[in-house]
Protein backbone atom coordinates (compact mmCIF):
# COMPACT_ATOMS: atom_id res chain seq x y z
CA UNK A 1 -0.03 -0.02 0.24
CA UNK A 2 0.89 3.04 -0.83
CA UNK A 3 0.25 5.14 1.98
CA UNK A 4 1.71 2.60 4.07
CA UNK A 5 4.88 3.47 3.18
CA UNK A 6 4.60 6.62 3.07
CA UNK A 7 4.51 6.68 6.46
CA UNK A 8 6.77 3.86 6.67
CA UNK A 9 9.07 6.61 5.10
CA UNK A 10 8.44 9.58 6.54
CA UNK A 11 8.41 7.35 10.68
CA UNK A 12 12.00 7.02 9.27
CA UNK A 13 12.92 10.72 8.87
CA UNK A 14 11.56 11.86 11.72
CA UNK A 15 13.35 9.02 13.66
CA UNK A 16 16.72 10.39 12.10
CA UNK A 17 15.50 13.77 13.33
CA UNK A 18 15.54 12.62 16.68
CA UNK A 19 18.31 10.83 16.57
CA UNK A 20 21.26 14.01 15.18
CA UNK A 21 19.23 15.23 17.88
CA UNK A 22 20.53 13.04 20.55
CA UNK A 23 23.73 13.22 18.67
CA UNK A 24 23.91 16.95 18.73
CA UNK A 25 22.70 17.14 22.59
CA UNK A 26 25.57 14.94 22.94
CA UNK A 27 28.64 16.69 21.72
CA UNK A 28 27.44 20.25 21.99
CA UNK A 29 25.42 21.36 24.75
CA UNK A 30 24.86 24.53 23.84
CA UNK A 31 23.42 23.88 20.16
CA UNK A 32 21.84 21.25 22.28
CA UNK A 33 20.36 24.03 24.46
CA UNK A 34 19.82 26.64 20.84
CA UNK A 35 17.29 24.07 19.72
CA UNK A 36 15.18 23.44 22.97
CA UNK A 37 15.39 27.67 23.41
CA UNK A 38 14.33 28.14 19.62
CA UNK A 39 12.52 24.80 18.20
CA UNK A 40 10.51 22.93 21.20
CA UNK A 41 9.53 26.88 22.28
CA UNK A 42 6.01 26.68 23.38
CA UNK A 43 4.33 29.36 21.41
CA UNK A 44 5.99 28.76 18.22
CA UNK A 45 5.23 24.79 18.39
CA UNK A 46 1.43 25.61 19.14
CA UNK A 47 1.56 27.87 15.44
CA UNK A 48 3.38 25.22 13.82
CA UNK A 49 0.60 22.51 15.45
CA UNK A 50 -2.12 24.88 14.08
CA UNK A 51 -0.86 25.04 10.61
CA UNK A 52 -0.25 21.10 10.33
CA UNK A 53 -4.04 21.11 11.92
CA UNK A 54 -5.29 23.71 9.48
CA UNK A 55 -4.19 22.10 6.79
CA UNK A 56 -5.67 18.38 7.69
CA UNK A 57 -8.98 16.92 6.37
CA UNK A 58 -10.80 16.85 9.43
CA UNK A 59 -11.64 18.38 12.65
CA UNK A 60 -8.73 21.03 13.32
CA UNK A 61 -8.98 20.91 17.25
CA UNK A 62 -9.00 16.92 16.99
CA UNK A 63 -6.02 17.00 15.06
CA UNK A 64 -3.98 20.14 17.05
CA UNK A 65 -4.72 17.33 20.42
CA UNK A 66 -3.60 14.90 18.63
CA UNK A 67 -0.33 16.13 17.20
CA UNK A 68 0.57 18.05 20.20
CA UNK A 69 -0.30 14.63 22.85
CA UNK A 70 2.21 12.68 20.32
CA UNK A 71 4.62 15.42 20.16
CA UNK A 72 4.78 15.47 24.05
CA UNK A 73 5.50 11.77 24.34
CA UNK A 74 8.27 12.14 21.35
CA UNK A 75 10.07 15.06 23.65
CA UNK A 76 9.67 13.30 26.18
CA UNK A 77 11.30 10.09 25.44
CA UNK A 78 14.30 13.20 24.00
CA UNK A 79 14.59 14.14 27.42
CA UNK A 80 14.92 10.46 29.18
CA UNK A 81 17.35 9.25 26.61
CA UNK A 82 19.36 12.65 26.43
CA UNK A 83 19.65 12.92 30.94
CA UNK A 84 20.31 8.70 30.84
CA UNK A 85 16.99 7.80 32.13
CA UNK A 86 16.34 4.26 32.47
CA UNK A 87 14.65 3.42 29.34
CA UNK A 88 13.76 -0.42 30.15
CA UNK A 89 10.01 0.15 30.18
CA UNK A 90 10.01 1.99 27.45
CA UNK A 91 11.90 0.05 24.99
CA UNK A 92 10.28 -3.35 26.58
CA UNK A 93 7.25 -2.09 25.41
CA UNK A 94 7.99 -0.09 22.32
CA UNK A 95 10.83 -2.12 20.70
CA UNK A 96 8.39 -5.02 21.41
CA UNK A 97 5.20 -3.89 19.74
CA UNK A 98 4.52 -5.30 16.24
CA UNK A 99 5.46 -3.44 12.65
CA UNK A 100 2.52 -4.74 10.87
CA UNK A 101 0.35 -1.81 11.38
CA UNK A 102 1.91 1.83 11.00
CA UNK A 103 -1.42 3.49 11.91
CA UNK A 104 0.27 4.10 15.16
CA UNK A 105 3.02 6.44 13.61
CA UNK A 106 4.80 7.91 17.19
CA UNK A 107 5.03 3.89 18.12
CA UNK A 108 7.12 4.03 14.43
CA UNK A 109 9.06 6.79 15.73
CA UNK A 110 9.45 5.90 18.80
CA UNK A 111 10.93 2.35 17.76
CA UNK A 112 13.29 4.35 15.43
CA UNK A 113 14.49 6.32 18.15
CA UNK A 114 15.24 3.78 20.77
CA UNK A 115 14.95 0.25 19.43
């Protein structure tokens, strides 16, 4: 299915971006802080969530809320990985999941980030 291929590729690209950010944070704390300050700024994120939601083919508020919820999960994992927190419980639940369904794209991104 073409949509599954697109979802798989986009999930892979997103996971690569998060792994790249992890690498940047490991080698240059100033650059890492700049990304966190400039990219993850709450007001800036809100604008981008709203822009994405406006382009969706379904209810804008539902899409925006789902985007925010999924991003919060990814950011939490990034912060835990960055602080060397124990991620074994997350790895167990995410890495052991079957990849045959790409309905849960954030889970596919998480697998690409930590598995």
